PDB file of all heavy atoms in Angstrom:
ATOM      1  N   LYS A   1      -6.513   2.656  -1.802  1.00  0.00           N
ATOM      2  CA  LYS A   1      -7.436   2.612  -2.942  1.00  0.00           C
ATOM      3  C   LYS A   1      -8.414   3.798  -2.918  1.00  0.00           C
ATOM      4  O   LYS A   1      -8.694   4.416  -3.953  1.00  0.00           O
ATOM      5  CB  LYS A   1      -8.203   1.298  -2.954  1.00  0.00           C
ATOM      6  CG  LYS A   1      -9.110   1.101  -4.147  1.00  0.00           C
ATOM      7  CD  LYS A   1      -9.595  -0.335  -4.249  1.00  0.00           C
ATOM      8  CE  LYS A   1     -10.394  -0.759  -3.041  1.00  0.00           C
ATOM      9  NZ  LYS A   1     -10.965  -2.123  -3.193  1.00  0.00           N
ATOM     10  N   ASN A   2      -8.918   4.132  -1.722  1.00  0.00           N
ATOM     11  CA  ASN A   2      -9.958   5.158  -1.617  1.00  0.00           C
ATOM     12  C   ASN A   2      -9.417   6.573  -1.639  1.00  0.00           C
ATOM     13  O   ASN A   2     -10.105   7.509  -2.065  1.00  0.00           O
ATOM     14  CB  ASN A   2     -10.766   4.945  -0.328  1.00  0.00           C
ATOM     15  CG  ASN A   2     -11.550   3.643  -0.333  1.00  0.00           C
ATOM     16  OD1 ASN A   2     -11.895   3.126  -1.401  1.00  0.00           O
ATOM     17  ND2 ASN A   2     -11.835   3.125   0.844  1.00  0.00           N
ATOM     18  N   GLU A   3      -8.207   6.761  -1.177  1.00  0.00           N
ATOM     19  CA  GLU A   3      -7.671   8.131  -1.067  1.00  0.00           C
ATOM     20  C   GLU A   3      -6.660   8.450  -2.154  1.00  0.00           C
ATOM     21  O   GLU A   3      -6.128   9.558  -2.184  1.00  0.00           O
ATOM     22  CB  GLU A   3      -7.014   8.342   0.309  1.00  0.00           C
ATOM     23  CG  GLU A   3      -7.996   8.189   1.477  1.00  0.00           C
ATOM     24  CD  GLU A   3      -7.333   8.426   2.821  1.00  0.00           C
ATOM     25  OE1 GLU A   3      -6.222   9.018   2.850  1.00  0.00           O
ATOM     26  OE2 GLU A   3      -7.908   8.038   3.842  1.00  0.00           O
ATOM     27  N   THR A   4      -6.380   7.513  -3.031  1.00  0.00           N
ATOM     28  CA  THR A   4      -5.321   7.731  -3.987  1.00  0.00           C
ATOM     29  C   THR A   4      -5.635   8.803  -5.010  1.00  0.00           C
ATOM     30  O   THR A   4      -6.788   8.996  -5.429  1.00  0.00           O
ATOM     31  CB  THR A   4      -4.979   6.418  -4.742  1.00  0.00           C
ATOM     32  OG1 THR A   4      -3.783   6.608  -5.471  1.00  0.00           O
ATOM     33  CG2 THR A   4      -6.109   6.035  -5.717  1.00  0.00           C
ATOM     34  N   ARG A   5      -4.595   9.527  -5.369  1.00  0.00           N
ATOM     35  CA  ARG A   5      -4.656  10.504  -6.459  1.00  0.00           C
ATOM     36  C   ARG A   5      -3.430  10.188  -7.312  1.00  0.00           C
ATOM     37  O   ARG A   5      -2.338  10.674  -7.029  1.00  0.00           O
ATOM     38  CB  ARG A   5      -4.561  11.932  -5.911  1.00  0.00           C
ATOM     39  CG  ARG A   5      -5.735  12.357  -5.055  1.00  0.00           C
ATOM     40  CD  ARG A   5      -5.383  13.557  -4.231  1.00  0.00           C
ATOM     41  NE  ARG A   5      -4.345  13.237  -3.244  1.00  0.00           N
ATOM     42  CZ  ARG A   5      -3.642  14.132  -2.576  1.00  0.00           C
ATOM     43  NH1 ARG A   5      -3.831  15.412  -2.801  1.00  0.00           N
ATOM     44  NH2 ARG A   5      -2.719  13.757  -1.697  1.00  0.00           N
ATOM     45  N   PRO A   6      -3.600   9.343  -8.331  1.00  0.00           N
ATOM     46  CA  PRO A   6      -2.436   8.949  -9.125  1.00  0.00           C
ATOM     47  C   PRO A   6      -1.587  10.124  -9.560  1.00  0.00           C
ATOM     48  O   PRO A   6      -2.103  11.172  -9.998  1.00  0.00           O
ATOM     49  CB  PRO A   6      -3.074   8.248 -10.342  1.00  0.00           C
ATOM     50  CG  PRO A   6      -4.347   7.709  -9.805  1.00  0.00           C
ATOM     51  CD  PRO A   6      -4.838   8.761  -8.831  1.00  0.00           C
ATOM     52  N   PHE A   7      -0.263   9.984  -9.383  1.00  0.00           N
ATOM     53  CA  PHE A   7       0.658  11.060  -9.696  1.00  0.00           C
ATOM     54  C   PHE A   7       1.717  10.531 -10.630  1.00  0.00           C
ATOM     55  O   PHE A   7       2.372   9.533 -10.343  1.00  0.00           O
ATOM     56  CB  PHE A   7       1.307  11.567  -8.401  1.00  0.00           C
ATOM     57  CG  PHE A   7       2.185  12.788  -8.586  1.00  0.00           C
ATOM     58  CD1 PHE A   7       1.623  14.048  -8.656  1.00  0.00           C
ATOM     59  CD2 PHE A   7       3.559  12.656  -8.693  1.00  0.00           C
ATOM     60  CE1 PHE A   7       2.420  15.174  -8.840  1.00  0.00           C
ATOM     61  CE2 PHE A   7       4.362  13.765  -8.871  1.00  0.00           C
ATOM     62  CZ  PHE A   7       3.790  15.032  -8.948  1.00  0.00           C
ATOM     63  N   ASN A   8       1.847  11.181 -11.774  1.00  0.00           N
ATOM     64  CA  ASN A   8       2.840  10.755 -12.754  1.00  0.00           C
ATOM     65  C   ASN A   8       2.638   9.292 -13.186  1.00  0.00           C
ATOM     66  O   ASN A   8       3.592   8.568 -13.458  1.00  0.00           O
ATOM     67  CB  ASN A   8       4.254  10.950 -12.184  1.00  0.00           C
ATOM     68  CG  ASN A   8       5.335  10.909 -13.247  1.00  0.00           C
ATOM     69  OD1 ASN A   8       5.135  11.346 -14.385  1.00  0.00           O
ATOM     70  ND2 ASN A   8       6.493  10.387 -12.890  1.00  0.00           N
ATOM     71  N   GLY A   9       1.376   8.858 -13.188  1.00  0.00           N
ATOM     72  CA  GLY A   9       1.068   7.496 -13.615  1.00  0.00           C
ATOM     73  C   GLY A   9       1.222   6.447 -12.512  1.00  0.00           C
ATOM     74  O   GLY A   9       1.018   5.249 -12.758  1.00  0.00           O
ATOM     75  N   TRP A  10       1.557   6.868 -11.298  1.00  0.00           N
ATOM     76  CA  TRP A  10       1.778   5.962 -10.179  1.00  0.00           C
ATOM     77  C   TRP A  10       0.792   6.223  -9.053  1.00  0.00           C
ATOM     78  O   TRP A  10       0.341   7.350  -8.854  1.00  0.00           O
ATOM     79  CB  TRP A  10       3.191   6.138  -9.607  1.00  0.00           C
ATOM     80  CG  TRP A  10       4.290   5.550 -10.440  1.00  0.00           C
ATOM     81  CD1 TRP A  10       4.823   6.076 -11.576  1.00  0.00           C
ATOM     82  CD2 TRP A  10       5.003   4.346 -10.167  1.00  0.00           C
ATOM     83  NE1 TRP A  10       5.827   5.271 -12.046  1.00  0.00           N
ATOM     84  CE2 TRP A  10       5.966   4.192 -11.181  1.00  0.00           C
ATOM     85  CE3 TRP A  10       4.936   3.380  -9.158  1.00  0.00           C
ATOM     86  CZ2 TRP A  10       6.839   3.115 -11.236  1.00  0.00           C
ATOM     87  CZ3 TRP A  10       5.808   2.304  -9.200  1.00  0.00           C
ATOM     88  CH2 TRP A  10       6.752   2.180 -10.227  1.00  0.00           C
ATOM     89  N   ILE A  11       0.508   5.181  -8.296  1.00  0.00           N
ATOM     90  CA  ILE A  11      -0.165   5.309  -6.999  1.00  0.00           C
ATOM     91  C   ILE A  11       0.933   5.207  -5.957  1.00  0.00           C
ATOM     92  O   ILE A  11       1.688   4.232  -5.926  1.00  0.00           O
ATOM     93  CB  ILE A  11      -1.212   4.212  -6.792  1.00  0.00           C
ATOM     94  CG1 ILE A  11      -2.373   4.377  -7.774  1.00  0.00           C
ATOM     95  CG2 ILE A  11      -1.726   4.216  -5.348  1.00  0.00           C
ATOM     96  CD1 ILE A  11      -3.372   3.224  -7.735  1.00  0.00           C
ATOM     97  N   VAL A  12       1.038   6.245  -5.126  1.00  0.00           N
ATOM     98  CA  VAL A  12       2.109   6.293  -4.140  1.00  0.00           C
ATOM     99  C   VAL A  12       1.520   6.340  -2.736  1.00  0.00           C
ATOM    100  O   VAL A  12       0.625   7.142  -2.433  1.00  0.00           O
ATOM    101  CB  VAL A  12       3.018   7.515  -4.361  1.00  0.00           C
ATOM    102  CG1 VAL A  12       4.101   7.587  -3.273  1.00  0.00           C
ATOM    103  CG2 VAL A  12       3.638   7.476  -5.752  1.00  0.00           C
ATOM    104  N   GLY A  13       1.994   5.454  -1.870  1.00  0.00           N
ATOM    105  CA  GLY A  13       1.627   5.478  -0.452  1.00  0.00           C
ATOM    106  C   GLY A  13       2.874   5.778   0.371  1.00  0.00           C
ATOM    107  O   GLY A  13       3.971   5.314   0.037  1.00  0.00           O
ATOM    108  N   THR A  14       2.759   6.581   1.399  1.00  0.00           N
ATOM    109  CA  THR A  14       3.923   6.982   2.203  1.00  0.00           C
ATOM    110  C   THR A  14       3.743   6.592   3.677  1.00  0.00           C
ATOM    111  O   THR A  14       2.623   6.434   4.159  1.00  0.00           O
ATOM    112  CB  THR A  14       4.144   8.498   2.108  1.00  0.00           C
ATOM    113  OG1 THR A  14       3.040   9.180   2.724  1.00  0.00           O
ATOM    114  CG2 THR A  14       4.271   8.948   0.664  1.00  0.00           C
ATOM    115  N   GLY A  15       4.851   6.424   4.362  1.00  0.00           N
ATOM    116  CA  GLY A  15       4.817   6.205   5.807  1.00  0.00           C
ATOM    117  C   GLY A  15       4.458   4.813   6.255  1.00  0.00           C
ATOM    118  O   GLY A  15       4.095   4.589   7.415  1.00  0.00           O
ATOM    119  N   TYR A  16       4.566   3.827   5.344  1.00  0.00           N
ATOM    120  CA  TYR A  16       4.200   2.453   5.671  1.00  0.00           C
ATOM    121  C   TYR A  16       5.124   1.879   6.761  1.00  0.00           C
ATOM    122  O   TYR A  16       6.346   2.005   6.685  1.00  0.00           O
ATOM    123  CB  TYR A  16       4.292   1.600   4.412  1.00  0.00           C
ATOM    124  CG  TYR A  16       4.290   0.090   4.640  1.00  0.00           C
ATOM    125  CD1 TYR A  16       3.189  -0.541   5.129  1.00  0.00           C
ATOM    126  CD2 TYR A  16       5.425  -0.671   4.328  1.00  0.00           C
ATOM    127  CE1 TYR A  16       3.185  -1.926   5.326  1.00  0.00           C
ATOM    128  CE2 TYR A  16       5.442  -2.069   4.510  1.00  0.00           C
ATOM    129  CZ  TYR A  16       4.308  -2.682   5.019  1.00  0.00           C
ATOM    130  OH  TYR A  16       4.303  -4.042   5.229  1.00  0.00           O
ATOM    131  N   ALA A  17       4.527   1.248   7.774  1.00  0.00           N
ATOM    132  CA  ALA A  17       5.302   0.597   8.850  1.00  0.00           C
ATOM    133  C   ALA A  17       4.577  -0.696   9.224  1.00  0.00           C
ATOM    134  O   ALA A  17       3.484  -0.664   9.798  1.00  0.00           O
ATOM    135  CB  ALA A  17       5.415   1.508  10.063  1.00  0.00           C
ATOM    136  N   GLU A  18       5.187  -1.804   8.905  1.00  0.00           N
ATOM    137  CA  GLU A  18       4.549  -3.103   9.158  1.00  0.00           C
ATOM    138  C   GLU A  18       4.345  -3.348  10.646  1.00  0.00           C
ATOM    139  O   GLU A  18       3.434  -4.080  11.045  1.00  0.00           O
ATOM    140  CB  GLU A  18       5.369  -4.232   8.547  1.00  0.00           C
ATOM    141  CG  GLU A  18       6.747  -4.402   9.144  1.00  0.00           C
ATOM    142  CD  GLU A  18       7.542  -5.495   8.451  1.00  0.00           C
ATOM    143  OE1 GLU A  18       7.955  -5.298   7.298  1.00  0.00           O
ATOM    144  OE2 GLU A  18       7.753  -6.537   9.085  1.00  0.00           O
ATOM    145  N   ALA A  19       5.180  -2.732  11.492  1.00  0.00           N
ATOM    146  CA  ALA A  19       5.112  -2.994  12.936  1.00  0.00           C
ATOM    147  C   ALA A  19       3.756  -2.561  13.524  1.00  0.00           C
ATOM    148  O   ALA A  19       3.317  -3.123  14.532  1.00  0.00           O
ATOM    149  CB  ALA A  19       6.237  -2.272  13.647  1.00  0.00           C
ATOM    150  N   VAL A  20       3.091  -1.581  12.904  1.00  0.00           N
ATOM    151  CA  VAL A  20       1.832  -1.091  13.471  1.00  0.00           C
ATOM    152  C   VAL A  20       0.643  -1.814  12.873  1.00  0.00           C
ATOM    153  O   VAL A  20      -0.503  -1.516  13.243  1.00  0.00           O
ATOM    154  CB  VAL A  20       1.699   0.436  13.272  1.00  0.00           C
ATOM    155  CG1 VAL A  20       2.859   1.174  13.923  1.00  0.00           C
ATOM    156  CG2 VAL A  20       1.614   0.793  11.788  1.00  0.00           C
ATOM    157  N   LEU A  21       0.860  -2.768  11.956  1.00  0.00           N
ATOM    158  CA  LEU A  21      -0.238  -3.555  11.412  1.00  0.00           C
ATOM    159  C   LEU A  21      -0.366  -4.839  12.212  1.00  0.00           C
ATOM    160  O   LEU A  21       0.598  -5.587  12.374  1.00  0.00           O
ATOM    161  CB  LEU A  21       0.014  -3.890   9.933  1.00  0.00           C
ATOM    162  CG  LEU A  21       0.184  -2.688   8.983  1.00  0.00           C
ATOM    163  CD1 LEU A  21       0.445  -3.181   7.563  1.00  0.00           C
ATOM    164  CD2 LEU A  21      -1.053  -1.796   9.023  1.00  0.00           C
ATOM    165  N   SER A  22      -1.533  -5.115  12.707  1.00  0.00           N
ATOM    166  CA  SER A  22      -1.739  -6.253  13.601  1.00  0.00           C
ATOM    167  C   SER A  22      -1.505  -7.590  12.911  1.00  0.00           C
ATOM    168  O   SER A  22      -1.205  -8.591  13.561  1.00  0.00           O
ATOM    169  CB  SER A  22      -3.142  -6.205  14.207  1.00  0.00           C
ATOM    170  OG  SER A  22      -4.139  -6.284  13.183  1.00  0.00           O
ATOM    171  N   ASP A  23      -1.666  -7.624  11.578  1.00  0.00           N
ATOM    172  CA  ASP A  23      -1.509  -8.895  10.851  1.00  0.00           C
ATOM    173  C   ASP A  23      -0.240  -8.942  10.015  1.00  0.00           C
ATOM    174  O   ASP A  23      -0.128  -9.740   9.085  1.00  0.00           O
ATOM    175  CB  ASP A  23      -2.732  -9.191  10.004  1.00  0.00           C
ATOM    176  CG  ASP A  23      -3.185  -8.008   9.153  1.00  0.00           C
ATOM    177  OD1 ASP A  23      -2.584  -6.925   9.280  1.00  0.00           O
ATOM    178  OD2 ASP A  23      -4.119  -8.167   8.368  1.00  0.00           O
ATOM    179  N   GLY A  24       0.742  -8.083  10.316  1.00  0.00           N
ATOM    180  CA  GLY A  24       2.043  -8.198   9.715  1.00  0.00           C
ATOM    181  C   GLY A  24       2.228  -7.448   8.407  1.00  0.00           C
ATOM    182  O   GLY A  24       1.394  -6.637   7.993  1.00  0.00           O
ATOM    183  N   ALA A  25       3.330  -7.771   7.739  1.00  0.00           N
ATOM    184  CA  ALA A  25       3.742  -7.064   6.513  1.00  0.00           C
ATOM    185  C   ALA A  25       2.871  -7.421   5.315  1.00  0.00           C
ATOM    186  O   ALA A  25       2.415  -8.559   5.180  1.00  0.00           O
ATOM    187  CB  ALA A  25       5.203  -7.367   6.202  1.00  0.00           C
ATOM    188  N   ILE A  26       2.668  -6.454   4.445  1.00  0.00           N
ATOM    189  CA  ILE A  26       1.921  -6.687   3.223  1.00  0.00           C
ATOM    190  C   ILE A  26       2.823  -7.409   2.214  1.00  0.00           C
ATOM    191  O   ILE A  26       4.039  -7.220   2.193  1.00  0.00           O
ATOM    192  CB  ILE A  26       1.408  -5.357   2.652  1.00  0.00           C
ATOM    193  CG1 ILE A  26       0.315  -5.606   1.617  1.00  0.00           C
ATOM    194  CG2 ILE A  26       2.539  -4.526   2.053  1.00  0.00           C
ATOM    195  CD1 ILE A  26      -0.470  -4.372   1.292  1.00  0.00           C
ATOM    196  N   SER A  27       2.241  -8.276   1.414  1.00  0.00           N
ATOM    197  CA  SER A  27       3.017  -9.046   0.437  1.00  0.00           C
ATOM    198  C   SER A  27       2.805  -8.540  -0.973  1.00  0.00           C
ATOM    199  O   SER A  27       1.834  -7.807  -1.249  1.00  0.00           O
ATOM    200  CB  SER A  27       2.616 -10.521   0.519  1.00  0.00           C
ATOM    201  OG  SER A  27       1.288 -10.704   0.009  1.00  0.00           O
ATOM    202  N   LEU A  28       3.688  -8.938  -1.858  1.00  0.00           N
ATOM    203  CA  LEU A  28       3.549  -8.574  -3.259  1.00  0.00           C
ATOM    204  C   LEU A  28       2.252  -9.129  -3.835  1.00  0.00           C
ATOM    205  O   LEU A  28       1.560  -8.440  -4.602  1.00  0.00           O
ATOM    206  CB  LEU A  28       4.757  -9.111  -4.042  1.00  0.00           C
ATOM    207  CG  LEU A  28       4.749  -8.893  -5.567  1.00  0.00           C
ATOM    208  CD1 LEU A  28       4.723  -7.401  -5.889  1.00  0.00           C
ATOM    209  CD2 LEU A  28       5.952  -9.551  -6.213  1.00  0.00           C
ATOM    210  N   ALA A  29       1.887 -10.346  -3.456  1.00  0.00           N
ATOM    211  CA  ALA A  29       0.652 -10.953  -3.969  1.00  0.00           C
ATOM    212  C   ALA A  29      -0.562 -10.135  -3.543  1.00  0.00           C
ATOM    213  O   ALA A  29      -1.503  -9.926  -4.337  1.00  0.00           O
ATOM    214  CB  ALA A  29       0.528 -12.387  -3.463  1.00  0.00           C
ATOM    215  N   GLU A  30      -0.594  -9.676  -2.311  1.00  0.00           N
ATOM    216  CA  GLU A  30      -1.724  -8.877  -1.812  1.00  0.00           C
ATOM    217  C   GLU A  30      -1.792  -7.537  -2.517  1.00  0.00           C
ATOM    218  O   GLU A  30      -2.893  -7.049  -2.838  1.00  0.00           O
ATOM    219  CB  GLU A  30      -1.596  -8.695  -0.297  1.00  0.00           C
ATOM    220  CG  GLU A  30      -1.820  -9.988   0.473  1.00  0.00           C
ATOM    221  CD  GLU A  30      -1.352  -9.900   1.915  1.00  0.00           C
ATOM    222  OE1 GLU A  30      -0.381  -9.158   2.199  1.00  0.00           O
ATOM    223  OE2 GLU A  30      -1.968 -10.583   2.777  1.00  0.00           O
ATOM    224  N   LEU A  31      -0.633  -6.950  -2.793  1.00  0.00           N
ATOM    225  CA  LEU A  31      -0.600  -5.678  -3.486  1.00  0.00           C
ATOM    226  C   LEU A  31      -1.075  -5.851  -4.941  1.00  0.00           C
ATOM    227  O   LEU A  31      -1.836  -5.035  -5.456  1.00  0.00           O
ATOM    228  CB  LEU A  31       0.839  -5.123  -3.462  1.00  0.00           C
ATOM    229  CG  LEU A  31       1.048  -3.629  -3.616  1.00  0.00           C
ATOM    230  CD1 LEU A  31       0.226  -2.841  -2.622  1.00  0.00           C
ATOM    231  CD2 LEU A  31       2.525  -3.292  -3.455  1.00  0.00           C
ATOM    232  N   ASP A  32      -0.644  -6.937  -5.568  1.00  0.00           N
ATOM    233  CA  ASP A  32      -1.038  -7.200  -6.928  1.00  0.00           C
ATOM    234  C   ASP A  32      -2.541  -7.481  -7.074  1.00  0.00           C
ATOM    235  O   ASP A  32      -3.168  -7.121  -8.064  1.00  0.00           O
ATOM    236  CB  ASP A  32      -0.267  -8.399  -7.506  1.00  0.00           C
ATOM    237  CG  ASP A  32       1.168  -8.047  -7.868  1.00  0.00           C
ATOM    238  OD1 ASP A  32       1.482  -6.846  -7.957  1.00  0.00           O
ATOM    239  OD2 ASP A  32       1.985  -8.975  -8.063  1.00  0.00           O
ATOM    240  N   GLN A  33      -3.095  -8.155  -6.063  1.00  0.00           N
ATOM    241  CA  GLN A  33      -4.517  -8.505  -6.118  1.00  0.00           C
ATOM    242  C   GLN A  33      -5.374  -7.231  -6.100  1.00  0.00           C
ATOM    243  O   GLN A  33      -6.409  -7.166  -6.791  1.00  0.00           O
ATOM    244  CB  GLN A  33      -4.876  -9.380  -4.920  1.00  0.00           C
ATOM    245  CG  GLN A  33      -6.318  -9.886  -4.956  1.00  0.00           C
ATOM    246  CD  GLN A  33      -6.627 -10.856  -3.834  1.00  0.00           C
ATOM    247  OE1 GLN A  33      -5.774 -11.143  -2.991  1.00  0.00           O
ATOM    248  NE2 GLN A  33      -7.833 -11.366  -3.814  1.00  0.00           N
ATOM    249  N   THR A  34      -4.958  -6.247  -5.333  1.00  0.00           N
ATOM    250  CA  THR A  34      -5.732  -5.001  -5.240  1.00  0.00           C
ATOM    251  C   THR A  34      -5.425  -4.072  -6.401  1.00  0.00           C
ATOM    252  O   THR A  34      -6.304  -3.359  -6.895  1.00  0.00           O
ATOM    253  CB  THR A  34      -5.421  -4.282  -3.911  1.00  0.00           C
ATOM    254  OG1 THR A  34      -5.638  -5.192  -2.821  1.00  0.00           O
ATOM    255  CG2 THR A  34      -6.320  -3.072  -3.711  1.00  0.00           C
TER     256      THR A  34
END
């Protein structure tokens, strides 16, 4: 949210790896809420 620079109408995040997140994988509901 803080570092995004929308490109072509999209917010794009790269390099996501759920294994390095202490509380597991992100869900569609969590993504939609933000």
